[in-house]
Amino acid sequence: MFGDMMGMMSKLKEAQKKVEETKERLNSVLIDESSSDEKLKVSITANRTIKSIEIDDNLLEDKEMLEDYLILTINKAIERATTIHETEVASVAKAGMPNIPGMDMFK
């Protein structure tokens, strides 16, 4: 039984390492999102760090409109990045988890 416990702990540490490696890799996964009319473009990593914002000159003339564009487009980018991030991390975590009866955390 003690050997099984050591094996499980080893698998858990390995899974944790793979999760951290995946999170690091997600820093290089870029998601590009733009407004429906392409006047605003946002690039964000899968770890939800904004890398760039491109704004059409016409939007600079209307502060309220620019703010609306920023909110909508950035929120869409964050939503996509979050989905990718959670899917990737959960997949790696599930694959590395030891089989512990009654502890199926990723159904």
PDB file of N, CA and C in Angstrom:
ATOM      1  N   MET A   1       0.814  -1.198   0.000  1.00  0.00           N
ATOM      2  CA  MET A   1       0.000   0.000   0.000  1.00  0.00           C
ATOM      3  C   MET A   1       0.861   1.266   0.000  1.00  0.00           C
ATOM      4  N   PHE A   2       1.957   1.232   0.775  1.00  0.00           N
ATOM      5  CA  PHE A   2       2.848   2.388   0.838  1.00  0.00           C
ATOM      6  C   PHE A   2       3.472   2.661  -0.525  1.00  0.00           C
ATOM      7  N   GLY A   3       3.825   1.580  -1.239  1.00  0.00           N
ATOM      8  CA  GLY A   3       4.383   1.722  -2.588  1.00  0.00           C
ATOM      9  C   GLY A   3       3.387   2.368  -3.534  1.00  0.00           C
ATOM     10  N   ASP A   4       2.106   1.973  -3.406  1.00  0.00           N
ATOM     11  CA  ASP A   4       1.062   2.575  -4.238  1.00  0.00           C
ATOM     12  C   ASP A   4       0.948   4.071  -3.953  1.00  0.00           C
ATOM     13  N   MET A   5       1.044   4.436  -2.680  1.00  0.00           N
ATOM     14  CA  MET A   5       0.936   5.838  -2.294  1.00  0.00           C
ATOM     15  C   MET A   5       2.111   6.639  -2.864  1.00  0.00           C
ATOM     16  N   MET A   6       3.299   6.081  -2.827  1.00  0.00           N
ATOM     17  CA  MET A   6       4.473   6.760  -3.380  1.00  0.00           C
ATOM     18  C   MET A   6       4.324   6.918  -4.893  1.00  0.00           C
ATOM     19  N   GLY A   7       3.793   5.891  -5.541  1.00  0.00           N
ATOM     20  CA  GLY A   7       3.569   5.960  -6.986  1.00  0.00           C
ATOM     21  C   GLY A   7       2.562   7.040  -7.333  1.00  0.00           C
ATOM     22  N   MET A   8       1.495   7.135  -6.526  1.00  0.00           N
ATOM     23  CA  MET A   8       0.477   8.166  -6.759  1.00  0.00           C
ATOM     24  C   MET A   8       1.067   9.561  -6.557  1.00  0.00           C
ATOM     25  N   MET A   9       1.868   9.727  -5.532  1.00  0.00           N
ATOM     26  CA  MET A   9       2.486  11.029  -5.274  1.00  0.00           C
ATOM     27  C   MET A   9       3.417  11.419  -6.419  1.00  0.00           C
ATOM     28  N   SER A  10       4.133  10.440  -6.923  1.00  0.00           N
ATOM     29  CA  SER A  10       5.026  10.694  -8.052  1.00  0.00           C
ATOM     30  C   SER A  10       4.229  11.122  -9.283  1.00  0.00           C
ATOM     31  N   LYS A  11       3.100  10.447  -9.521  1.00  0.00           N
ATOM     32  CA  LYS A  11       2.254  10.803 -10.666  1.00  0.00           C
ATOM     33  C   LYS A  11       1.666  12.197 -10.487  1.00  0.00           C
ATOM     34  N   LEU A  12       1.276  12.524  -9.263  1.00  0.00           N
ATOM     35  CA  LEU A  12       0.727  13.854  -9.003  1.00  0.00           C
ATOM     36  C   LEU A  12       1.766  14.943  -9.256  1.00  0.00           C
ATOM     37  N   LYS A  13       3.004  14.714  -8.819  1.00  0.00           N
ATOM     38  CA  LYS A  13       4.071  15.689  -9.050  1.00  0.00           C
ATOM     39  C   LYS A  13       4.360  15.832 -10.538  1.00  0.00           C
ATOM     40  N   GLU A  14       4.338  14.718 -11.245  1.00  0.00           N
ATOM     41  CA  GLU A  14       4.564  14.745 -12.688  1.00  0.00           C
ATOM     42  C   GLU A  14       3.435  15.507 -13.394  1.00  0.00           C
ATOM     43  N   ALA A  15       2.198  15.270 -12.965  1.00  0.00           N
ATOM     44  CA  ALA A  15       1.050  15.972 -13.543  1.00  0.00           C
ATOM     45  C   ALA A  15       1.161  17.469 -13.281  1.00  0.00           C
ATOM     46  N   GLN A  16       1.569  17.833 -12.075  1.00  0.00           N
ATOM     47  CA  GLN A  16       1.723  19.239 -11.731  1.00  0.00           C
ATOM     48  C   GLN A  16       2.785  19.900 -12.611  1.00  0.00           C
ATOM     49  N   LYS A  17       3.876  19.190 -12.850  1.00  0.00           N
ATOM     50  CA  LYS A  17       4.943  19.713 -13.707  1.00  0.00           C
ATOM     51  C   LYS A  17       4.423  19.923 -15.128  1.00  0.00           C
ATOM     52  N   LYS A  18       3.647  18.971 -15.639  1.00  0.00           N
ATOM     53  CA  LYS A  18       3.105  19.089 -16.994  1.00  0.00           C
ATOM     54  C   LYS A  18       2.113  20.239 -17.091  1.00  0.00           C
ATOM     55  N   VAL A  19       1.334  20.449 -16.055  1.00  0.00           N
ATOM     56  CA  VAL A  19       0.400  21.576 -16.039  1.00  0.00           C
ATOM     57  C   VAL A  19       1.174  22.894 -16.101  1.00  0.00           C
ATOM     58  N   GLU A  20       2.229  23.005 -15.324  1.00  0.00           N
ATOM     59  CA  GLU A  20       3.048  24.230 -15.330  1.00  0.00           C
ATOM     60  C   GLU A  20       3.704  24.441 -16.692  1.00  0.00           C
ATOM     61  N   GLU A  21       4.180  23.355 -17.315  1.00  0.00           N
ATOM     62  CA  GLU A  21       4.771  23.460 -18.650  1.00  0.00           C
ATOM     63  C   GLU A  21       3.726  23.907 -19.670  1.00  0.00           C
ATOM     64  N   THR A  22       2.516  23.402 -19.531  1.00  0.00           N
ATOM     65  CA  THR A  22       1.436  23.795 -20.433  1.00  0.00           C
ATOM     66  C   THR A  22       1.103  25.262 -20.262  1.00  0.00           C
ATOM     67  N   LYS A  23       1.028  25.718 -19.029  1.00  0.00           N
ATOM     68  CA  LYS A  23       0.749  27.132 -18.778  1.00  0.00           C
ATOM     69  C   LYS A  23       1.835  28.018 -19.404  1.00  0.00           C
ATOM     70  N   GLU A  24       3.079  27.589 -19.307  1.00  0.00           N
ATOM     71  CA  GLU A  24       4.192  28.334 -19.901  1.00  0.00           C
ATOM     72  C   GLU A  24       4.052  28.359 -21.426  1.00  0.00           C
ATOM     73  N   ARG A  25       3.707  27.214 -22.017  1.00  0.00           N
ATOM     74  CA  ARG A  25       3.528  27.124 -23.475  1.00  0.00           C
ATOM     75  C   ARG A  25       2.397  28.034 -23.939  1.00  0.00           C
ATOM     76  N   LEU A  26       1.358  28.162 -23.128  1.00  0.00           N
ATOM     77  CA  LEU A  26       0.211  28.982 -23.502  1.00  0.00           C
ATOM     78  C   LEU A  26       0.554  30.471 -23.605  1.00  0.00           C
ATOM     79  N   ASN A  27       1.714  30.860 -23.070  1.00  0.00           N
ATOM     80  CA  ASN A  27       2.176  32.241 -23.248  1.00  0.00           C
ATOM     81  C   ASN A  27       2.478  32.553 -24.707  1.00  0.00           C
ATOM     82  N   SER A  28       2.773  31.509 -25.486  1.00  0.00           N
ATOM     83  CA  SER A  28       3.117  31.722 -26.895  1.00  0.00           C
ATOM     84  C   SER A  28       1.945  31.453 -27.842  1.00  0.00           C
ATOM     85  N   VAL A  29       0.797  31.051 -27.299  1.00  0.00           N
ATOM     86  CA  VAL A  29      -0.388  30.824 -28.125  1.00  0.00           C
ATOM     87  C   VAL A  29      -1.147  32.144 -28.233  1.00  0.00           C
ATOM     88  N   LEU A  30      -1.179  32.706 -29.442  1.00  0.00           N
ATOM     89  CA  LEU A  30      -1.841  33.990 -29.651  1.00  0.00           C
ATOM     90  C   LEU A  30      -3.233  33.811 -30.228  1.00  0.00           C
ATOM     91  N   ILE A  31      -4.161  34.570 -29.693  1.00  0.00           N
ATOM     92  CA  ILE A  31      -5.535  34.588 -30.185  1.00  0.00           C
ATOM     93  C   ILE A  31      -5.771  35.991 -30.719  1.00  0.00           C
ATOM     94  N   ASP A  32      -6.214  36.065 -31.962  1.00  0.00           N
ATOM     95  CA  ASP A  32      -6.529  37.351 -32.571  1.00  0.00           C
ATOM     96  C   ASP A  32      -8.039  37.505 -32.622  1.00  0.00           C
ATOM     97  N   GLU A  33      -8.507  38.628 -32.136  1.00  0.00           N
ATOM     98  CA  GLU A  33      -9.937  38.921 -32.139  1.00  0.00           C
ATOM     99  C   GLU A  33     -10.102  40.317 -32.727  1.00  0.00           C
ATOM    100  N   SER A  34     -11.172  40.504 -33.479  1.00  0.00           N
ATOM    101  CA  SER A  34     -11.427  41.833 -34.020  1.00  0.00           C
ATOM    102  C   SER A  34     -12.917  42.141 -33.991  1.00  0.00           C
ATOM    103  N   SER A  35     -13.204  43.417 -34.060  1.00  0.00           N
ATOM    104  CA  SER A  35     -14.607  43.843 -34.107  1.00  0.00           C
ATOM    105  C   SER A  35     -15.201  43.356 -35.429  1.00  0.00           C
ATOM    106  N   SER A  36     -16.511  43.324 -35.496  1.00  0.00           N
ATOM    107  CA  SER A  36     -17.179  42.800 -36.691  1.00  0.00           C
ATOM    108  C   SER A  36     -16.821  43.591 -37.950  1.00  0.00           C
ATOM    109  N   ASP A  37     -16.502  44.863 -37.795  1.00  0.00           N
ATOM    110  CA  ASP A  37     -16.143  45.684 -38.956  1.00  0.00           C
ATOM    111  C   ASP A  37     -14.628  45.854 -39.112  1.00  0.00           C
ATOM    112  N   GLU A  38     -13.865  45.121 -38.304  1.00  0.00           N
ATOM    113  CA  GLU A  38     -12.392  45.118 -38.372  1.00  0.00           C
ATOM    114  C   GLU A  38     -11.755  46.459 -37.994  1.00  0.00           C
ATOM    115  N   LYS A  39     -12.482  47.329 -37.328  1.00  0.00           N
ATOM    116  CA  LYS A  39     -11.913  48.622 -36.946  1.00  0.00           C
ATOM    117  C   LYS A  39     -11.042  48.535 -35.693  1.00  0.00           C
ATOM    118  N   LEU A  40     -11.193  47.432 -34.959  1.00  0.00           N
ATOM    119  CA  LEU A  40     -10.395  47.229 -33.754  1.00  0.00           C
ATOM    120  C   LEU A  40      -9.926  45.783 -33.738  1.00  0.00           C
ATOM    121  N   LYS A  41      -8.631  45.583 -33.512  1.00  0.00           N
ATOM    122  CA  LYS A  41      -8.063  44.236 -33.462  1.00  0.00           C
ATOM    123  C   LYS A  41      -7.259  44.081 -32.180  1.00  0.00           C
ATOM    124  N   VAL A  42      -7.429  42.930 -31.535  1.00  0.00           N
ATOM    125  CA  VAL A  42      -6.734  42.640 -30.282  1.00  0.00           C
ATOM    126  C   VAL A  42      -6.032  41.302 -30.415  1.00  0.00           C
ATOM    127  N   SER A  43      -4.782  41.238 -29.970  1.00  0.00           N
ATOM    128  CA  SER A  43      -4.057  39.969 -29.872  1.00  0.00           C
ATOM    129  C   SER A  43      -3.810  39.706 -28.396  1.00  0.00           C
ATOM    130  N   ILE A  44      -4.115  38.485 -27.973  1.00  0.00           N
ATOM    131  CA  ILE A  44      -4.020  38.113 -26.563  1.00  0.00           C
ATOM    132  C   ILE A  44      -3.453  36.698 -26.492  1.00  0.00           C
ATOM    133  N   THR A  45      -2.693  36.395 -25.446  1.00  0.00           N
ATOM    134  CA  THR A  45      -2.190  35.031 -25.287  1.00  0.00           C
ATOM    135  C   THR A  45      -3.268  34.160 -24.654  1.00  0.00           C
ATOM    136  N   ALA A  46      -3.077  32.855 -24.725  1.00  0.00           N
ATOM    137  CA  ALA A  46      -4.015  31.932 -24.088  1.00  0.00           C
ATOM    138  C   ALA A  46      -3.951  32.051 -22.562  1.00  0.00           C
ATOM    139  N   ASN A  47      -2.934  32.729 -22.050  1.00  0.00           N
ATOM    140  CA  ASN A  47      -2.855  33.022 -20.619  1.00  0.00           C
ATOM    141  C   ASN A  47      -3.462  34.388 -20.292  1.00  0.00           C
ATOM    142  N   ARG A  48      -4.154  34.957 -21.276  1.00  0.00           N
ATOM    143  CA  ARG A  48      -4.928  36.181 -21.111  1.00  0.00           C
ATOM    144  C   ARG A  48      -4.079  37.438 -20.855  1.00  0.00           C
ATOM    145  N   THR A  49      -2.962  37.517 -21.574  1.00  0.00           N
ATOM    146  CA  THR A  49      -2.137  38.717 -21.545  1.00  0.00           C
ATOM    147  C   THR A  49      -2.288  39.407 -22.896  1.00  0.00           C
ATOM    148  N   ILE A  50      -2.721  40.657 -22.873  1.00  0.00           N
ATOM    149  CA  ILE A  50      -2.900  41.395 -24.118  1.00  0.00           C
ATOM    150  C   ILE A  50      -1.522  41.726 -24.695  1.00  0.00           C
ATOM    151  N   LYS A  51      -1.342  41.396 -25.971  1.00  0.00           N
ATOM    152  CA  LYS A  51      -0.067  41.638 -26.646  1.00  0.00           C
ATOM    153  C   LYS A  51      -0.125  42.857 -27.564  1.00  0.00           C
ATOM    154  N   SER A  52      -1.272  43.087 -28.193  1.00  0.00           N
ATOM    155  CA  SER A  52      -1.373  44.260 -29.060  1.00  0.00           C
ATOM    156  C   SER A  52      -2.829  44.652 -29.274  1.00  0.00           C
ATOM    157  N   ILE A  53      -2.992  45.937 -29.580  1.00  0.00           N
ATOM    158  CA  ILE A  53      -4.303  46.487 -29.928  1.00  0.00           C
ATOM    159  C   ILE A  53      -4.092  47.403 -31.125  1.00  0.00           C
ATOM    160  N   GLU A  54      -4.873  47.175 -32.175  1.00  0.00           N
ATOM    161  CA  GLU A  54      -4.831  48.041 -33.358  1.00  0.00           C
ATOM    162  C   GLU A  54      -6.173  48.758 -33.461  1.00  0.00           C
ATOM    163  N   ILE A  55      -6.113  50.094 -33.596  1.00  0.00           N
ATOM    164  CA  ILE A  55      -7.325  50.907 -33.634  1.00  0.00           C
ATOM    165  C   ILE A  55      -7.365  51.695 -34.935  1.00  0.00           C
ATOM    166  N   ASP A  56      -8.471  51.577 -35.647  1.00  0.00           N
ATOM    167  CA  ASP A  56      -8.694  52.352 -36.860  1.00  0.00           C
ATOM    168  C   ASP A  56      -8.758  53.837 -36.481  1.00  0.00           C
ATOM    169  N   ASP A  57      -8.162  54.684 -37.284  1.00  0.00           N
ATOM    170  CA  ASP A  57      -8.122  56.124 -36.997  1.00  0.00           C
ATOM    171  C   ASP A  57      -9.515  56.734 -36.813  1.00  0.00           C
ATOM    172  N   ASN A  58     -10.495  56.225 -37.525  1.00  0.00           N
ATOM    173  CA  ASN A  58     -11.847  56.767 -37.411  1.00  0.00           C
ATOM    174  C   ASN A  58     -12.427  56.599 -36.003  1.00  0.00           C
ATOM    175  N   LEU A  59     -12.003  55.546 -35.300  1.00  0.00           N
ATOM    176  CA  LEU A  59     -12.506  55.332 -33.939  1.00  0.00           C
ATOM    177  C   LEU A  59     -11.944  56.345 -32.950  1.00  0.00           C
ATOM    178  N   LEU A  60     -10.815  56.946 -33.292  1.00  0.00           N
ATOM    179  CA  LEU A  60     -10.182  57.898 -32.385  1.00  0.00           C
ATOM    180  C   LEU A  60     -10.973  59.200 -32.269  1.00  0.00           C
ATOM    181  N   GLU A  61     -11.899  59.401 -33.175  1.00  0.00           N
ATOM    182  CA  GLU A  61     -12.695  60.632 -33.176  1.00  0.00           C
ATOM    183  C   GLU A  61     -13.894  60.555 -32.232  1.00  0.00           C
ATOM    184  N   ASP A  62     -14.242  59.341 -31.785  1.00  0.00           N
ATOM    185  CA  ASP A  62     -15.425  59.169 -30.934  1.00  0.00           C
ATOM    186  C   ASP A  62     -15.042  58.321 -29.716  1.00  0.00           C
ATOM    187  N   LYS A  63     -14.791  59.009 -28.613  1.00  0.00           N
ATOM    188  CA  LYS A  63     -14.313  58.346 -27.394  1.00  0.00           C
ATOM    189  C   LYS A  63     -15.275  57.253 -26.915  1.00  0.00           C
ATOM    190  N   GLU A  64     -16.569  57.536 -26.863  1.00  0.00           N
ATOM    191  CA  GLU A  64     -17.544  56.550 -26.384  1.00  0.00           C
ATOM    192  C   GLU A  64     -17.582  55.315 -27.271  1.00  0.00           C
ATOM    193  N   MET A  65     -17.539  55.536 -28.575  1.00  0.00           N
ATOM    194  CA  MET A  65     -17.564  54.414 -29.490  1.00  0.00           C
ATOM    195  C   MET A  65     -16.296  53.562 -29.325  1.00  0.00           C
ATOM    196  N   LEU A  66     -15.166  54.211 -29.190  1.00  0.00           N
ATOM    197  CA  LEU A  66     -13.901  53.494 -28.985  1.00  0.00           C
ATOM    198  C   LEU A  66     -13.963  52.665 -27.711  1.00  0.00           C
ATOM    199  N   GLU A  67     -14.473  53.242 -26.649  1.00  0.00           N
ATOM    200  CA  GLU A  67     -14.599  52.505 -25.385  1.00  0.00           C
ATOM    201  C   GLU A  67     -15.486  51.278 -25.558  1.00  0.00           C
ATOM    202  N   ASP A  68     -16.602  51.433 -26.267  1.00  0.00           N
ATOM    203  CA  ASP A  68     -17.495  50.291 -26.520  1.00  0.00           C
ATOM    204  C   ASP A  68     -16.788  49.207 -27.320  1.00  0.00           C
ATOM    205  N   TYR A  69     -16.089  49.617 -28.362  1.00  0.00           N
ATOM    206  CA  TYR A  69     -15.343  48.665 -29.185  1.00  0.00           C
ATOM    207  C   TYR A  69     -14.317  47.905 -28.334  1.00  0.00           C
ATOM    208  N   LEU A  70     -13.585  48.652 -27.505  1.00  0.00           N
ATOM    209  CA  LEU A  70     -12.566  48.024 -26.662  1.00  0.00           C
ATOM    210  C   LEU A  70     -13.185  46.997 -25.717  1.00  0.00           C
ATOM    211  N   ILE A  71     -14.250  47.374 -25.057  1.00  0.00           N
ATOM    212  CA  ILE A  71     -14.894  46.462 -24.105  1.00  0.00           C
ATOM    213  C   ILE A  71     -15.367  45.191 -24.805  1.00  0.00           C
ATOM    214  N   LEU A  72     -16.084  45.344 -25.895  1.00  0.00           N
ATOM    215  CA  LEU A  72     -16.638  44.184 -26.594  1.00  0.00           C
ATOM    216  C   LEU A  72     -15.546  43.276 -27.156  1.00  0.00           C
ATOM    217  N   THR A  73     -14.571  43.864 -27.815  1.00  0.00           N
ATOM    218  CA  THR A  73     -13.544  43.064 -28.477  1.00  0.00           C
ATOM    219  C   THR A  73     -12.605  42.413 -27.465  1.00  0.00           C
ATOM    220  N   ILE A  74     -12.212  43.129 -26.454  1.00  0.00           N
ATOM    221  CA  ILE A  74     -11.332  42.547 -25.436  1.00  0.00           C
ATOM    222  C   ILE A  74     -12.054  41.435 -24.679  1.00  0.00           C
ATOM    223  N   ASN A  75     -13.316  41.636 -24.353  1.00  0.00           N
ATOM    224  CA  ASN A  75     -14.070  40.579 -23.666  1.00  0.00           C
ATOM    225  C   ASN A  75     -14.189  39.319 -24.526  1.00  0.00           C
ATOM    226  N   LYS A  76     -14.419  39.484 -25.827  1.00  0.00           N
ATOM    227  CA  LYS A  76     -14.470  38.311 -26.715  1.00  0.00           C
ATOM    228  C   LYS A  76     -13.130  37.600 -26.739  1.00  0.00           C
ATOM    229  N   ALA A  77     -12.040  38.361 -26.793  1.00  0.00           N
ATOM    230  CA  ALA A  77     -10.700  37.767 -26.812  1.00  0.00           C
ATOM    231  C   ALA A  77     -10.416  37.024 -25.506  1.00  0.00           C
ATOM    232  N   ILE A  78     -10.779  37.622 -24.385  1.00  0.00           N
ATOM    233  CA  ILE A  78     -10.558  36.978 -23.082  1.00  0.00           C
ATOM    234  C   ILE A  78     -11.378  35.693 -22.976  1.00  0.00           C
ATOM    235  N   GLU A  79     -12.607  35.728 -23.463  1.00  0.00           N
ATOM    236  CA  GLU A  79     -13.453  34.539 -23.423  1.00  0.00           C
ATOM    237  C   GLU A  79     -12.837  33.392 -24.229  1.00  0.00           C
ATOM    238  N   ARG A  80     -12.359  33.699 -25.431  1.00  0.00           N
ATOM    239  CA  ARG A  80     -11.718  32.658 -26.254  1.00  0.00           C
ATOM    240  C   ARG A  80     -10.444  32.146 -25.595  1.00  0.00           C
ATOM    241  N   ALA A  81      -9.635  33.052 -25.050  1.00  0.00           N
ATOM    242  CA  ALA A  81      -8.389  32.664 -24.395  1.00  0.00           C
ATOM    243  C   ALA A  81      -8.663  31.799 -23.174  1.00  0.00           C
ATOM    244  N   THR A  82      -9.678  32.140 -22.411  1.00  0.00           N
ATOM    245  CA  THR A  82     -10.036  31.365 -21.222  1.00  0.00           C
ATOM    246  C   THR A  82     -10.466  29.953 -21.601  1.00  0.00           C
ATOM    247  N   THR A  83     -11.252  29.833 -22.646  1.00  0.00           N
ATOM    248  CA  THR A  83     -11.697  28.507 -23.095  1.00  0.00           C
ATOM    249  C   THR A  83     -10.501  27.645 -23.499  1.00  0.00           C
ATOM    250  N   ILE A  84      -9.591  28.216 -24.273  1.00  0.00           N
ATOM    251  CA  ILE A  84      -8.398  27.472 -24.696  1.00  0.00           C
ATOM    252  C   ILE A  84      -7.551  27.104 -23.487  1.00  0.00           C
ATOM    253  N   HIS A  85      -7.327  28.056 -22.597  1.00  0.00           N
ATOM    254  CA  HIS A  85      -6.506  27.833 -21.410  1.00  0.00           C
ATOM    255  C   HIS A  85      -7.073  26.703 -20.551  1.00  0.00           C
ATOM    256  N   GLU A  86      -8.362  26.800 -20.242  1.00  0.00           N
ATOM    257  CA  GLU A  86      -8.981  25.797 -19.373  1.00  0.00           C
ATOM    258  C   GLU A  86      -8.998  24.412 -20.015  1.00  0.00           C
ATOM    259  N   THR A  87      -9.249  24.347 -21.307  1.00  0.00           N
ATOM    260  CA  THR A  87      -9.272  23.069 -22.011  1.00  0.00           C
ATOM    261  C   THR A  87      -7.896  22.415 -22.001  1.00  0.00           C
ATOM    262  N   GLU A  88      -6.873  23.187 -22.313  1.00  0.00           N
ATOM    263  CA  GLU A  88      -5.503  22.658 -22.370  1.00  0.00           C
ATOM    264  C   GLU A  88      -5.026  22.191 -20.993  1.00  0.00           C
ATOM    265  N   VAL A  89      -5.221  23.015 -19.986  1.00  0.00           N
ATOM    266  CA  VAL A  89      -4.752  22.670 -18.641  1.00  0.00           C
ATOM    267  C   VAL A  89      -5.516  21.464 -18.095  1.00  0.00           C
ATOM    268  N   ALA A  90      -6.828  21.434 -18.284  1.00  0.00           N
ATOM    269  CA  ALA A  90      -7.627  20.304 -17.796  1.00  0.00           C
ATOM    270  C   ALA A  90      -7.224  19.010 -18.488  1.00  0.00           C
ATOM    271  N   SER A  91      -6.938  19.081 -19.770  1.00  0.00           N
ATOM    272  CA  SER A  91      -6.540  17.898 -20.524  1.00  0.00           C
ATOM    273  C   SER A  91      -5.226  17.319 -19.988  1.00  0.00           C
ATOM    274  N   VAL A  92      -4.253  18.182 -19.761  1.00  0.00           N
ATOM    275  CA  VAL A  92      -2.956  17.734 -19.239  1.00  0.00           C
ATOM    276  C   VAL A  92      -3.105  17.212 -17.818  1.00  0.00           C
ATOM    277  N   ALA A  93      -3.887  17.907 -16.999  1.00  0.00           N
ATOM    278  CA  ALA A  93      -4.075  17.490 -15.604  1.00  0.00           C
ATOM    279  C   ALA A  93      -4.767  16.140 -15.536  1.00  0.00           C
ATOM    280  N   LYS A  94      -5.794  15.953 -16.343  1.00  0.00           N
ATOM    281  CA  LYS A  94      -6.536  14.694 -16.327  1.00  0.00           C
ATOM    282  C   LYS A  94      -5.657  13.531 -16.776  1.00  0.00           C
ATOM    283  N   ALA A  95      -4.866  13.758 -17.814  1.00  0.00           N
ATOM    284  CA  ALA A  95      -4.003  12.700 -18.341  1.00  0.00           C
ATOM    285  C   ALA A  95      -2.955  12.259 -17.318  1.00  0.00           C
ATOM    286  N   GLY A  96      -2.532  13.160 -16.444  1.00  0.00           N
ATOM    287  CA  GLY A  96      -1.485  12.831 -15.495  1.00  0.00           C
ATOM    288  C   GLY A  96      -1.957  12.386 -14.132  1.00  0.00           C
ATOM    289  N   MET A  97      -3.256  12.403 -13.911  1.00  0.00           N
ATOM    290  CA  MET A  97      -3.778  12.047 -12.594  1.00  0.00           C
ATOM    291  C   MET A  97      -3.740  10.537 -12.369  1.00  0.00           C
ATOM    292  N   PRO A  98      -3.309  10.111 -11.192  1.00  0.00           N
ATOM    293  CA  PRO A  98      -3.367   8.682 -10.874  1.00  0.00           C
ATOM    294  C   PRO A  98      -4.816   8.247 -10.702  1.00  0.00           C
ATOM    295  N   ASN A  99      -5.073   6.984 -10.883  1.00  0.00           N
ATOM    296  CA  ASN A  99      -6.429   6.446 -10.741  1.00  0.00           C
ATOM    297  C   ASN A  99      -6.703   6.167  -9.264  1.00  0.00           C
ATOM    298  N   ILE A 100      -7.395   7.100  -8.616  1.00  0.00           N
ATOM    299  CA  ILE A 100      -7.728   6.961  -7.201  1.00  0.00           C
ATOM    300  C   ILE A 100      -9.237   6.688  -7.134  1.00  0.00           C
ATOM    301  N   PRO A 101      -9.619   5.522  -6.658  1.00  0.00           N
ATOM    302  CA  PRO A 101     -11.053   5.203  -6.590  1.00  0.00           C
ATOM    303  C   PRO A 101     -11.844   6.258  -5.827  1.00  0.00           C
ATOM    304  N   GLY A 102     -12.974   6.653  -6.403  1.00  0.00           N
ATOM    305  CA  GLY A 102     -13.831   7.640  -5.765  1.00  0.00           C
ATOM    306  C   GLY A 102     -13.388   9.077  -5.922  1.00  0.00           C
ATOM    307  N   MET A 103     -12.306   9.317  -6.666  1.00  0.00           N
ATOM    308  CA  MET A 103     -11.770  10.665  -6.820  1.00  0.00           C
ATOM    309  C   MET A 103     -11.727  11.091  -8.284  1.00  0.00           C
ATOM    310  N   ASP A 104     -12.768  10.774  -9.049  1.00  0.00           N
ATOM    311  CA  ASP A 104     -12.812  11.167 -10.440  1.00  0.00           C
ATOM    312  C   ASP A 104     -13.204  12.638 -10.529  1.00  0.00           C
ATOM    313  N   MET A 105     -12.194  13.529 -10.537  1.00  0.00           N
ATOM    314  CA  MET A 105     -12.433  14.965 -10.484  1.00  0.00           C
ATOM    315  C   MET A 105     -12.745  15.551 -11.851  1.00  0.00           C
ATOM    316  N   PHE A 106     -12.436  14.849 -12.933  1.00  0.00           N
ATOM    317  CA  PHE A 106     -12.594  15.387 -14.281  1.00  0.00           C
ATOM    318  C   PHE A 106     -13.587  14.568 -15.069  1.00  0.00           C
ATOM    319  N   LYS A 107     -14.851  14.602 -14.696  1.00  0.00           N
ATOM    320  CA  LYS A 107     -15.861  13.846 -15.435  1.00  0.00           C
ATOM    321  C   LYS A 107     -16.278  14.575 -16.656  1.00  0.00           C
TER     322      LYS A 107
END
